[in-house]
N, C-alpha and C. Protein backbone atom coordinates (compact mmCIF):
# COMPACT_ATOMS: atom_id res chain seq x y z
N MET A 1 -10.86 -1.60 33.96
CA MET A 1 -10.10 -2.54 33.15
C MET A 1 -8.86 -2.09 32.91
N THR A 2 -8.03 -3.15 32.71
CA THR A 2 -7.15 -2.76 31.81
C THR A 2 -6.51 -2.75 30.25
N HIS A 3 -5.63 -2.58 29.75
CA HIS A 3 -5.64 -2.96 28.41
C HIS A 3 -4.25 -3.18 28.08
N ASP A 4 -3.78 -4.00 27.40
CA ASP A 4 -2.07 -3.85 27.24
C ASP A 4 -1.63 -3.18 26.02
N GLY A 5 -0.42 -2.18 26.45
CA GLY A 5 0.06 -1.17 25.77
C GLY A 5 -0.81 -0.16 25.69
N ILE A 6 -1.48 0.67 27.29
CA ILE A 6 -2.04 1.80 27.14
C ILE A 6 -1.63 1.76 28.66
N PRO A 7 -0.96 2.56 28.83
CA PRO A 7 -0.49 3.09 30.62
C PRO A 7 -1.74 3.51 30.99
N ASP A 8 -1.75 3.20 32.77
CA ASP A 8 -3.07 3.58 33.27
C ASP A 8 -3.59 4.93 33.30
N HIS A 9 -2.55 5.59 33.40
CA HIS A 9 -2.88 7.31 33.14
C HIS A 9 -3.71 7.42 32.35
N VAL A 10 -3.39 6.83 30.95
CA VAL A 10 -4.27 7.21 29.77
C VAL A 10 -5.74 7.05 29.89
N THR A 11 -6.54 7.95 30.93
CA THR A 11 -7.84 7.48 30.74
C THR A 11 -8.47 8.44 29.70
N LEU A 12 -9.75 8.21 29.77
CA LEU A 12 -10.71 8.95 28.58
C LEU A 12 -10.27 10.50 29.07
N GLY A 13 -10.51 10.67 30.60
CA GLY A 13 -10.53 12.19 31.00
C GLY A 13 -8.97 12.86 31.01
N PHE A 14 -8.00 11.86 30.85
CA PHE A 14 -6.63 12.19 30.38
C PHE A 14 -6.74 12.29 29.54
N ALA A 15 -7.21 11.56 28.30
CA ALA A 15 -7.31 11.94 26.85
C ALA A 15 -7.77 13.61 26.44
N GLU A 16 -8.50 13.76 27.10
CA GLU A 16 -9.26 15.26 26.28
C GLU A 16 -8.68 16.28 27.30
N SER A 17 -7.97 16.13 28.34
CA SER A 17 -7.07 17.31 28.94
C SER A 17 -6.03 17.10 27.91
N TRP A 18 -5.52 16.00 27.15
CA TRP A 18 -4.20 16.21 26.48
C TRP A 18 -4.57 16.91 25.00
N VAL A 19 -5.59 16.40 24.80
CA VAL A 19 -6.17 17.35 23.35
C VAL A 19 -6.54 18.58 23.08
N ARG A 20 -7.00 18.64 24.63
CA ARG A 20 -7.85 20.29 24.85
C ARG A 20 -6.47 21.86 24.02
N PRO A 21 -6.11 21.28 24.57
CA PRO A 21 -4.99 22.67 24.13
C PRO A 21 -4.45 22.34 22.51
N ARG A 22 -4.25 21.42 21.59
CA ARG A 22 -4.11 20.98 20.73
C ARG A 22 -5.21 21.58 19.91
N LEU A 23 -5.84 21.97 20.54
CA LEU A 23 -7.47 22.19 19.17
C LEU A 23 -8.41 23.53 19.48
N SER A 24 -8.66 23.74 18.41
CA SER A 24 -9.98 24.63 18.78
C SER A 24 -11.27 24.69 19.12
N ASP A 25 -12.24 25.41 19.68
CA ASP A 25 -13.56 25.05 20.25
C ASP A 25 -13.89 24.29 19.31
N LYS A 26 -13.72 24.42 18.11
CA LYS A 26 -14.73 23.83 17.26
C LYS A 26 -14.57 22.30 17.00
N ARG A 27 -13.05 22.54 16.79
CA ARG A 27 -12.64 20.73 16.65
C ARG A 27 -12.34 20.06 17.77
N PHE A 28 -12.17 20.91 19.15
CA PHE A 28 -12.57 20.15 20.32
C PHE A 28 -14.18 19.29 20.32
N ASN A 29 -14.48 20.24 19.96
CA ASN A 29 -16.36 19.70 20.65
C ASN A 29 -16.71 18.62 19.71
N HIS A 30 -15.91 18.46 18.40
CA HIS A 30 -16.33 17.93 17.14
C HIS A 30 -15.24 16.29 18.05
N SER A 31 -13.90 16.43 18.61
CA SER A 31 -13.70 15.33 18.60
C SER A 31 -14.05 14.57 19.80
N ALA A 32 -15.01 15.61 20.92
CA ALA A 32 -15.61 14.66 21.93
C ALA A 32 -17.04 14.05 21.53
N GLY A 33 -17.31 14.95 19.92
CA GLY A 33 -18.70 14.26 19.73
C GLY A 33 -18.41 12.91 18.70
N VAL A 34 -16.95 12.87 18.32
CA VAL A 34 -16.52 11.47 17.93
C VAL A 34 -16.54 10.26 19.14
N ALA A 35 -16.08 10.92 20.28
CA ALA A 35 -15.93 10.08 21.16
C ALA A 35 -17.19 9.42 21.85
N GLN A 36 -17.83 10.37 21.76
CA GLN A 36 -19.67 10.24 22.28
C GLN A 36 -20.17 9.48 21.36
N VAL A 37 -20.08 9.17 19.93
CA VAL A 37 -20.87 8.44 19.12
C VAL A 37 -20.05 7.14 18.66
N ALA A 38 -18.89 7.34 19.27
CA ALA A 38 -18.01 6.18 19.04
C ALA A 38 -18.03 5.17 19.71
N GLY A 39 -18.47 5.39 21.30
CA GLY A 39 -18.79 4.61 22.58
C GLY A 39 -20.39 4.16 21.86
N ARG A 40 -21.30 4.72 21.37
CA ARG A 40 -22.38 4.69 21.13
C ARG A 40 -22.87 3.21 20.27
N ILE A 41 -21.34 3.38 18.87
CA ILE A 41 -21.16 2.50 18.23
C ILE A 41 -21.10 1.09 18.42
N ALA A 42 -19.75 1.40 19.31
CA ALA A 42 -18.67 0.03 20.10
C ALA A 42 -20.25 -0.86 20.76
N HIS A 43 -20.91 -0.10 21.35
CA HIS A 43 -21.59 -0.71 22.60
C HIS A 43 -22.28 -1.26 21.72
N LYS A 44 -23.06 -0.89 20.63
CA LYS A 44 -24.14 -1.67 19.76
C LYS A 44 -23.36 -2.61 18.96
N CYS A 45 -22.40 -2.95 18.66
CA CYS A 45 -21.82 -3.70 17.92
C CYS A 45 -20.69 -4.51 18.50
N GLY A 46 -20.34 -4.43 20.00
CA GLY A 46 -20.07 -5.14 20.79
C GLY A 46 -18.43 -5.10 20.66
N CYS A 47 -18.06 -3.99 20.62
CA CYS A 47 -16.60 -3.72 19.99
C CYS A 47 -16.16 -2.75 21.61
N ASP A 48 -14.85 -2.77 21.66
CA ASP A 48 -14.51 -2.43 23.12
C ASP A 48 -14.82 -0.63 23.64
N VAL A 49 -15.55 -0.62 24.38
CA VAL A 49 -16.32 0.97 24.25
C VAL A 49 -15.10 1.78 24.59
N PHE A 50 -14.27 1.67 25.90
CA PHE A 50 -12.87 2.23 26.20
C PHE A 50 -12.13 2.61 24.74
N LEU A 51 -11.53 1.80 24.36
CA LEU A 51 -10.57 2.06 23.20
C LEU A 51 -11.48 2.90 21.66
N ALA A 52 -12.97 2.59 21.73
CA ALA A 52 -13.77 3.20 20.88
C ALA A 52 -13.78 4.59 21.06
N GLU A 53 -13.87 4.60 22.81
CA GLU A 53 -13.81 6.76 23.31
C GLU A 53 -12.54 7.17 23.12
N LEU A 54 -11.43 6.33 23.26
CA LEU A 54 -10.03 6.93 23.55
C LEU A 54 -10.06 6.96 22.01
N GLY A 55 -10.11 6.45 20.66
CA GLY A 55 -9.81 6.68 19.65
C GLY A 55 -10.68 7.58 19.15
N GLY A 56 -11.97 7.83 19.44
CA GLY A 56 -12.69 9.52 19.11
C GLY A 56 -11.90 10.50 19.95
N TRP A 57 -11.56 10.53 21.46
CA TRP A 57 -10.81 11.66 21.48
C TRP A 57 -9.18 12.01 20.83
N LEU A 58 -8.51 11.13 20.43
CA LEU A 58 -7.21 11.09 19.93
C LEU A 58 -7.51 11.53 18.03
N HIS A 59 -8.32 11.25 17.84
CA HIS A 59 -7.99 11.04 16.41
C HIS A 59 -7.64 12.18 15.50
N ASP A 60 -8.13 13.11 15.90
CA ASP A 60 -7.42 15.09 15.52
C ASP A 60 -6.68 15.38 16.16
N CYS A 61 -5.58 14.50 16.82
CA CYS A 61 -4.85 15.31 18.07
C CYS A 61 -4.22 16.49 16.88
N CYS A 62 -3.65 16.18 15.77
CA CYS A 62 -2.78 17.00 14.89
C CYS A 62 -3.60 17.78 13.27
N LYS A 63 -5.01 17.67 13.45
CA LYS A 63 -5.85 18.21 12.53
C LYS A 63 -5.85 19.45 12.06
N GLU A 64 -5.18 20.23 13.05
CA GLU A 64 -4.67 22.07 13.13
C GLU A 64 -3.30 21.93 12.99
N VAL A 65 -2.73 20.92 12.89
CA VAL A 65 -1.12 20.89 12.24
C VAL A 65 -1.30 21.58 10.91
N LYS A 66 -0.12 23.02 10.87
CA LYS A 66 -0.32 22.88 9.08
C LYS A 66 0.30 21.80 8.44
N ASP A 67 -0.32 21.90 6.69
CA ASP A 67 0.29 20.67 5.80
C ASP A 67 1.48 20.54 5.75
N LYS A 68 2.60 21.70 5.71
CA LYS A 68 3.81 21.62 5.39
C LYS A 68 4.56 20.52 6.62
N ASN A 69 3.89 21.08 7.67
CA ASN A 69 4.51 20.53 8.74
C ASN A 69 3.94 19.25 8.93
N LEU A 70 2.87 18.89 8.92
CA LEU A 70 2.45 17.48 8.62
C LEU A 70 3.29 16.52 7.84
N VAL A 71 3.69 16.89 6.61
CA VAL A 71 4.27 16.28 6.02
C VAL A 71 5.93 16.23 6.19
N ALA A 72 6.70 16.95 6.71
CA ALA A 72 7.85 17.16 7.66
C ALA A 72 7.61 15.78 8.80
N MET A 73 6.68 16.19 9.52
CA MET A 73 6.62 15.22 10.62
C MET A 73 6.61 13.81 10.30
N ALA A 74 6.10 13.47 8.81
CA ALA A 74 5.38 12.45 8.22
C ALA A 74 7.14 11.84 7.93
N GLN A 75 7.97 12.49 7.48
CA GLN A 75 9.11 12.09 6.84
C GLN A 75 9.71 12.01 7.86
N ASP A 76 10.22 12.80 9.37
CA ASP A 76 10.47 12.71 10.37
C ASP A 76 10.33 10.87 11.26
N PHE A 77 9.10 10.49 11.11
CA PHE A 77 8.57 9.38 11.45
C PHE A 77 8.68 8.26 10.80
N ASN A 78 9.27 8.52 9.36
CA ASN A 78 9.48 7.49 8.14
C ASN A 78 7.98 7.09 8.00
N LEU A 79 7.00 7.58 7.91
CA LEU A 79 5.69 7.30 7.66
C LEU A 79 5.56 7.13 6.17
N PRO A 80 5.13 6.17 5.58
CA PRO A 80 4.91 6.16 4.16
C PRO A 80 4.67 7.58 3.36
N LEU A 81 4.72 7.91 2.56
CA LEU A 81 4.43 9.66 1.72
C LEU A 81 4.39 9.19 -0.27
N ASP A 82 3.25 9.47 -0.58
CA ASP A 82 2.98 9.44 -2.19
C ASP A 82 2.88 10.95 -2.60
N PRO A 83 2.76 11.22 -3.88
CA PRO A 83 2.83 12.86 -4.63
C PRO A 83 1.35 13.29 -3.83
N ILE A 84 0.31 12.49 -3.59
CA ILE A 84 -0.78 12.89 -3.55
C ILE A 84 -0.65 13.82 -2.15
N LEU A 85 -0.07 13.41 -1.12
CA LEU A 85 0.20 13.21 0.27
C LEU A 85 1.04 14.27 0.28
N LYS A 86 1.62 14.17 -0.28
CA LYS A 86 3.21 15.42 -0.25
C LYS A 86 2.42 16.90 -0.63
N LYS A 87 1.27 16.66 -1.33
CA LYS A 87 0.85 17.71 -1.70
C LYS A 87 -0.08 18.61 -0.86
N HIS A 88 -0.78 17.28 -0.84
CA HIS A 88 -2.12 17.32 0.34
C HIS A 88 -1.70 16.73 1.78
N GLY A 89 -0.82 17.89 2.35
CA GLY A 89 -0.84 17.18 3.75
C GLY A 89 -1.93 17.01 4.79
N HIS A 90 -2.75 17.43 4.53
CA HIS A 90 -3.67 17.47 5.68
C HIS A 90 -4.31 15.87 5.90
N LEU A 91 -4.16 15.06 4.56
CA LEU A 91 -4.28 13.93 4.32
C LEU A 91 -3.42 13.06 5.62
N LEU A 92 -2.62 14.00 6.21
CA LEU A 92 -1.64 12.86 6.90
C LEU A 92 -1.45 13.08 8.27
N HIS A 93 -2.86 14.07 8.84
CA HIS A 93 -3.24 14.22 10.01
C HIS A 93 -3.76 13.19 10.90
N GLY A 94 -4.09 11.58 10.29
CA GLY A 94 -4.21 10.85 10.74
C GLY A 94 -3.18 9.83 10.97
N PRO A 95 -2.14 9.33 10.24
CA PRO A 95 -1.08 9.04 10.45
C PRO A 95 -0.30 9.55 11.48
N VAL A 96 -0.44 11.11 11.66
CA VAL A 96 0.99 11.47 11.88
C VAL A 96 0.41 11.68 13.71
N GLY A 97 -0.91 12.11 13.60
CA GLY A 97 -1.72 11.84 15.16
C GLY A 97 -1.67 10.79 15.74
N ALA A 98 -1.74 10.10 14.83
CA ALA A 98 -1.19 8.37 15.59
C ALA A 98 0.06 8.21 15.68
N GLU A 99 1.17 8.49 15.53
CA GLU A 99 2.33 8.34 15.95
C GLU A 99 2.60 9.15 17.18
N VAL A 100 2.12 10.47 16.82
CA VAL A 100 1.84 11.42 18.31
C VAL A 100 1.81 10.86 19.39
N SER A 101 0.39 10.64 19.05
CA SER A 101 -0.02 9.89 20.53
C SER A 101 0.75 8.54 20.72
N LYS A 102 1.33 7.77 20.12
CA LYS A 102 1.94 6.83 20.21
C LYS A 102 3.37 6.96 21.38
N ARG A 103 4.17 8.03 20.79
CA ARG A 103 4.69 8.74 20.83
C ARG A 103 5.12 8.97 22.58
N GLU A 104 3.83 10.41 22.23
CA GLU A 104 3.66 11.41 23.81
C GLU A 104 3.28 10.43 25.21
N LEU A 105 2.21 9.78 24.37
CA LEU A 105 1.46 8.90 25.81
C LEU A 105 1.82 7.92 25.85
N SER A 106 2.59 7.29 25.06
CA SER A 106 3.79 6.02 25.39
C SER A 106 2.41 4.85 25.22
N LEU A 107 1.91 4.77 24.02
CA LEU A 107 0.66 4.26 23.74
C LEU A 107 1.39 2.41 22.75
N GLY A 108 1.34 1.65 23.09
CA GLY A 108 1.90 0.43 22.34
C GLY A 108 0.78 -0.61 21.66
N HIS A 109 -0.24 0.48 21.81
CA HIS A 109 -1.99 -0.80 21.18
C HIS A 109 -1.62 -0.56 19.73
N GLU A 110 -1.31 -1.77 19.14
CA GLU A 110 -1.74 -1.73 17.40
C GLU A 110 -2.93 -1.37 17.15
N GLU A 111 -3.92 -1.69 17.71
CA GLU A 111 -5.30 -1.52 16.94
C GLU A 111 -5.50 0.15 17.06
N LEU A 112 -5.35 0.14 18.25
CA LEU A 112 -5.65 2.02 18.73
C LEU A 112 -5.04 2.66 17.55
N TYR A 113 -3.75 2.44 17.67
CA TYR A 113 -2.65 3.62 16.71
C TYR A 113 -3.49 3.33 14.69
N ASN A 114 -3.87 1.76 14.99
CA ASN A 114 -4.61 1.79 13.12
C ASN A 114 -5.85 2.53 13.22
N ALA A 115 -6.37 2.66 14.16
CA ALA A 115 -7.94 3.58 14.27
C ALA A 115 -7.54 4.88 14.30
N ILE A 116 -6.84 5.17 14.66
CA ILE A 116 -6.63 6.76 14.89
C ILE A 116 -5.87 7.15 13.17
N ALA A 117 -4.55 6.24 12.95
CA ALA A 117 -4.38 6.09 11.45
C ALA A 117 -4.99 6.17 9.89
N GLU A 118 -5.94 5.29 10.39
CA GLU A 118 -6.97 4.81 9.20
C GLU A 118 -8.14 5.65 9.06
N HIS A 119 -8.56 6.53 9.84
CA HIS A 119 -9.51 7.49 10.08
C HIS A 119 -10.61 8.19 8.95
N THR A 120 -9.07 8.62 8.17
CA THR A 120 -9.20 9.54 6.90
C THR A 120 -9.68 8.91 5.78
N LEU A 121 -8.73 8.05 5.66
CA LEU A 121 -8.63 7.24 3.99
C LEU A 121 -9.22 5.94 4.31
N GLY A 122 -9.04 5.42 5.37
CA GLY A 122 -9.51 4.23 5.20
C GLY A 122 -8.31 3.15 4.97
N ALA A 123 -8.60 1.84 5.03
CA ALA A 123 -7.50 0.91 4.99
C ALA A 123 -8.58 -0.49 4.55
N VAL A 124 -7.37 -1.15 3.70
CA VAL A 124 -7.73 -2.59 3.65
C VAL A 124 -7.08 -3.96 4.03
N PRO A 125 -7.59 -4.54 4.98
CA PRO A 125 -8.78 -4.53 5.53
C PRO A 125 -8.67 -3.77 6.76
N MET A 126 -9.88 -3.14 7.56
CA MET A 126 -9.69 -2.38 9.04
C MET A 126 -10.28 -3.55 9.90
N THR A 127 -10.01 -3.21 11.33
CA THR A 127 -10.22 -3.83 12.25
C THR A 127 -11.79 -3.05 12.89
N GLN A 128 -12.16 -4.11 13.71
CA GLN A 128 -13.40 -3.03 13.91
C GLN A 128 -13.53 -2.26 14.67
N LEU A 129 -12.08 -1.86 15.35
CA LEU A 129 -12.02 -0.65 16.10
C LEU A 129 -11.92 0.86 15.10
N SER A 130 -10.82 0.04 13.95
CA SER A 130 -10.89 0.87 13.31
C SER A 130 -11.97 1.76 12.30
N LYS A 131 -12.95 0.79 12.24
CA LYS A 131 -14.14 1.15 11.20
C LYS A 131 -15.27 1.73 12.38
N VAL A 132 -15.15 1.46 13.42
CA VAL A 132 -15.96 2.39 14.30
C VAL A 132 -15.59 3.85 14.37
N VAL A 133 -14.33 4.05 14.83
CA VAL A 133 -13.65 4.94 14.79
C VAL A 133 -13.91 6.10 13.59
N PHE A 134 -13.77 5.27 12.53
CA PHE A 134 -14.03 5.73 10.88
C PHE A 134 -15.52 6.15 11.05
N LEU A 135 -16.57 5.68 11.13
CA LEU A 135 -17.55 5.91 11.25
C LEU A 135 -17.99 6.79 11.91
N ALA A 136 -18.07 6.85 13.41
CA ALA A 136 -17.93 7.95 14.57
C ALA A 136 -17.80 9.10 14.08
N ASP A 137 -16.71 9.56 13.30
CA ASP A 137 -15.89 10.82 12.42
C ASP A 137 -16.79 10.60 11.46
N CYS A 138 -17.13 10.03 11.07
CA CYS A 138 -18.34 10.57 9.71
C CYS A 138 -19.70 11.11 10.55
N LEU A 139 -20.02 10.20 11.17
CA LEU A 139 -21.45 10.36 12.02
C LEU A 139 -21.60 11.80 13.34
N GLU A 140 -20.18 12.22 13.18
CA GLU A 140 -20.83 13.16 14.69
C GLU A 140 -21.66 14.33 14.15
N GLU A 141 -22.32 14.56 15.05
CA GLU A 141 -23.85 15.50 15.12
C GLU A 141 -23.43 16.58 13.97
N SER A 142 -22.47 17.28 14.37
CA SER A 142 -22.12 18.53 13.65
C SER A 142 -22.21 18.24 12.12
N ARG A 143 -21.86 16.96 11.49
CA ARG A 143 -22.04 16.75 10.12
C ARG A 143 -23.37 16.92 9.70
N PRO A 144 -23.89 17.38 8.27
CA PRO A 144 -24.93 17.31 7.27
C PRO A 144 -25.81 16.20 7.52
N LYS A 145 -26.69 16.26 8.05
CA LYS A 145 -27.80 15.15 8.29
C LYS A 145 -28.33 14.59 6.80
N SER A 146 -28.04 15.68 5.83
CA SER A 146 -27.98 14.52 4.53
C SER A 146 -26.99 13.57 4.11
N TYR A 147 -25.79 13.80 4.47
CA TYR A 147 -25.11 12.84 4.95
C TYR A 147 -24.63 11.86 5.69
N THR A 148 -25.27 11.57 7.07
CA THR A 148 -24.96 10.82 8.00
C THR A 148 -26.39 10.03 8.12
N HIS A 149 -27.20 10.90 7.36
CA HIS A 149 -28.41 9.68 7.28
C HIS A 149 -28.19 8.54 6.71
N PRO A 150 -28.37 8.46 5.48
CA PRO A 150 -27.64 7.03 5.08
C PRO A 150 -27.13 6.09 5.53
N ILE A 151 -25.77 6.96 5.83
CA ILE A 151 -24.55 5.62 7.13
C ILE A 151 -25.63 5.11 8.08
N TRP A 152 -26.21 6.18 8.91
CA TRP A 152 -27.05 5.50 9.75
C TRP A 152 -27.62 4.59 9.59
N LYS A 153 -28.75 4.71 8.89
CA LYS A 153 -29.51 3.92 7.78
C LYS A 153 -29.16 2.63 7.54
N ALA A 154 -27.70 2.42 7.01
CA ALA A 154 -27.17 1.70 6.94
C ALA A 154 -26.40 0.77 7.79
N LEU A 155 -26.29 1.28 8.51
CA LEU A 155 -25.67 0.78 9.90
C LEU A 155 -26.42 -0.22 10.68
N ASP A 156 -27.67 0.17 10.54
CA ASP A 156 -28.77 -0.87 11.30
C ASP A 156 -29.10 -0.61 10.19
N ILE A 157 -29.54 -2.48 9.74
CA ILE A 157 -30.39 -3.06 8.72
C ILE A 157 -30.93 -4.37 9.86
N ASP A 158 -32.24 -3.92 10.14
CA ASP A 158 -32.62 -4.92 10.65
C ASP A 158 -32.82 -5.21 11.89
N GLY A 159 -31.48 -3.75 12.77
CA GLY A 159 -31.62 -3.86 13.98
C GLY A 159 -30.30 -4.52 14.13
N ALA A 160 -29.44 -4.96 13.09
CA ALA A 160 -28.66 -5.56 13.08
C ALA A 160 -27.39 -4.33 12.90
N CYS A 161 -25.66 -4.61 13.52
CA CYS A 161 -24.73 -3.36 13.41
C CYS A 161 -24.26 -4.35 12.16
N ASN A 162 -24.17 -3.08 11.21
CA ASN A 162 -23.74 -3.66 10.01
C ASN A 162 -22.50 -2.58 9.30
N LEU A 163 -21.69 -2.77 10.18
CA LEU A 163 -20.04 -1.85 9.89
C LEU A 163 -19.78 -1.74 8.40
N ASP A 164 -19.89 -2.84 7.64
CA ASP A 164 -19.41 -3.41 6.70
C ASP A 164 -20.79 -2.07 5.67
N ALA A 165 -21.52 -2.03 5.98
CA ALA A 165 -22.61 -1.73 5.02
C ALA A 165 -22.21 -0.33 5.13
N ALA A 166 -22.11 0.30 6.21
CA ALA A 166 -21.67 1.70 6.95
C ALA A 166 -20.70 2.60 6.19
N LEU A 167 -19.79 1.54 6.18
CA LEU A 167 -18.53 2.27 5.99
C LEU A 167 -18.48 2.03 4.17
N LEU A 168 -19.31 0.85 3.07
CA LEU A 168 -19.55 1.32 1.66
C LEU A 168 -20.20 3.15 1.42
N VAL A 169 -21.54 3.17 2.22
CA VAL A 169 -22.15 4.13 2.46
C VAL A 169 -21.38 5.48 2.46
N ALA A 170 -20.46 5.60 4.03
CA ALA A 170 -19.58 6.17 4.10
C ALA A 170 -18.73 6.83 2.66
N ALA A 171 -18.08 5.71 2.29
CA ALA A 171 -17.03 5.82 1.72
C ALA A 171 -17.71 6.18 0.40
N ASN A 172 -19.20 5.97 -0.26
CA ASN A 172 -19.61 6.02 -1.40
C ASN A 172 -19.79 8.04 -1.29
N GLU A 173 -20.41 8.05 0.05
CA GLU A 173 -20.95 9.68 0.33
C GLU A 173 -19.37 10.87 0.36
N GLY A 174 -18.46 10.40 0.77
CA GLY A 174 -17.49 10.76 0.91
C GLY A 174 -16.70 11.06 -0.80
N LEU A 175 -16.58 10.32 -1.29
CA LEU A 175 -16.33 10.16 -2.61
C LEU A 175 -17.27 11.23 -3.87
N LYS A 176 -18.67 10.93 -3.20
CA LYS A 176 -19.21 12.36 -4.26
C LYS A 176 -19.10 14.04 -3.83
N TYR A 177 -18.63 13.76 -2.37
CA TYR A 177 -18.29 15.23 -1.86
C TYR A 177 -17.08 15.61 -2.80
N LEU A 178 -15.85 14.80 -2.61
CA LEU A 178 -14.93 15.43 -3.42
C LEU A 178 -14.85 15.56 -4.53
N ILE A 179 -15.59 14.72 -5.53
CA ILE A 179 -16.11 14.62 -6.80
C ILE A 179 -16.17 16.47 -7.01
N GLU A 180 -17.81 16.13 -6.22
CA GLU A 180 -18.25 17.42 -6.04
C GLU A 180 -18.00 18.67 -6.03
N ASP A 181 -17.14 18.63 -5.41
CA ASP A 181 -16.13 19.45 -4.83
C ASP A 181 -14.46 20.11 -5.65
N ASN A 182 -14.45 18.78 -6.62
CA ASN A 182 -12.96 19.01 -7.26
C ASN A 182 -11.83 19.23 -6.58
N LYS A 183 -11.83 18.26 -5.65
CA LYS A 183 -10.90 17.67 -4.60
C LYS A 183 -10.11 16.29 -4.74
N PRO A 184 -8.77 16.22 -5.14
CA PRO A 184 -8.38 15.37 -5.15
C PRO A 184 -8.74 14.04 -4.57
N ILE A 185 -8.92 12.86 -5.11
CA ILE A 185 -8.92 11.28 -3.92
C ILE A 185 -7.71 10.80 -4.01
N HIS A 186 -7.51 10.39 -3.17
CA HIS A 186 -6.22 9.50 -2.74
C HIS A 186 -6.75 7.98 -3.27
N PRO A 187 -6.05 7.04 -3.61
CA PRO A 187 -5.66 5.76 -4.45
C PRO A 187 -6.50 4.65 -2.89
N ARG A 188 -6.47 5.19 -2.21
CA ARG A 188 -6.69 4.57 -0.85
C ARG A 188 -7.96 4.67 -0.26
N SER A 189 -8.69 5.49 -0.70
CA SER A 189 -9.97 5.51 -0.51
C SER A 189 -10.89 5.32 -1.56
N ILE A 190 -10.50 4.94 -2.54
CA ILE A 190 -10.85 4.21 -3.74
C ILE A 190 -11.34 2.62 -3.29
N GLU A 191 -10.22 2.11 -3.11
CA GLU A 191 -9.39 1.27 -2.66
C GLU A 191 -10.72 0.38 -1.76
N MET A 192 -10.49 1.40 -0.52
CA MET A 192 -11.38 0.73 0.11
C MET A 192 -12.77 1.04 0.07
N ARG A 193 -13.49 1.79 -1.06
CA ARG A 193 -14.57 1.75 -1.18
C ARG A 193 -14.51 0.46 -1.56
N ASN A 194 -14.03 0.16 -3.05
CA ASN A 194 -13.84 -1.23 -3.78
C ASN A 194 -13.98 -2.72 -2.79
N TYR A 195 -13.48 -2.54 -1.87
CA TYR A 195 -13.06 -3.68 -1.12
C TYR A 195 -14.44 -3.65 -0.28
N TYR A 196 -14.67 -2.84 0.59
CA TYR A 196 -16.28 -2.61 0.72
C TYR A 196 -17.46 -3.47 0.28
N LEU A 197 -17.33 -2.77 -1.01
CA LEU A 197 -18.78 -2.99 -2.21
C LEU A 197 -18.52 -4.55 -2.05
N ASN A 198 -17.38 -4.89 -2.35
CA ASN A 198 -17.05 -6.64 -2.70
C ASN A 198 -17.57 -7.38 -1.56
N ALA A 199 -17.17 -6.78 -0.16
CA ALA A 199 -17.54 -7.72 1.02
C ALA A 199 -19.43 -7.00 1.37
N VAL A 200 -19.93 -6.27 0.95
CA VAL A 200 -21.19 -5.98 1.35
C VAL A 200 -21.98 -6.90 0.10
């Protein structure tokens, strides 16, 4: 099956080999797990399984780039920056990773680009693919069960696939962690939480 904007050579195996030298063993294993969970959620929810798994493989391709370098790359790519992003450059690994994937792999698929870019802070609104990759990143098996269990429960309400309910729970759990750990909260995370609170 072909996908507009994705070159034929960009298979899941190719994506795996492309991210391998960019990531530590721990981060590579996480990405493999996210791809697997993304495929599982996509199959259940009627989303494109290939795109979901591809997004899982690519989502953290710039996760281990240093903060200052992520800020510099974002500036080079003319990506939107605000004071929080400039000070906490790790939050840019999604948008920068989307841009690097686009340029180095000749990707022209907007939904895939957005799914990679939005997987950390979310967005308002999000496509089904973005929701799947965001949730897969939250639900990868190395995450604490105390964090993942409520999200899985919300996703599977009465046997249905409720992406919005799961996103709300994931946002709430993420905000709790940031507050407890005294970390900064980007306004986009709050905006996303409130949006899906209203949607649910």
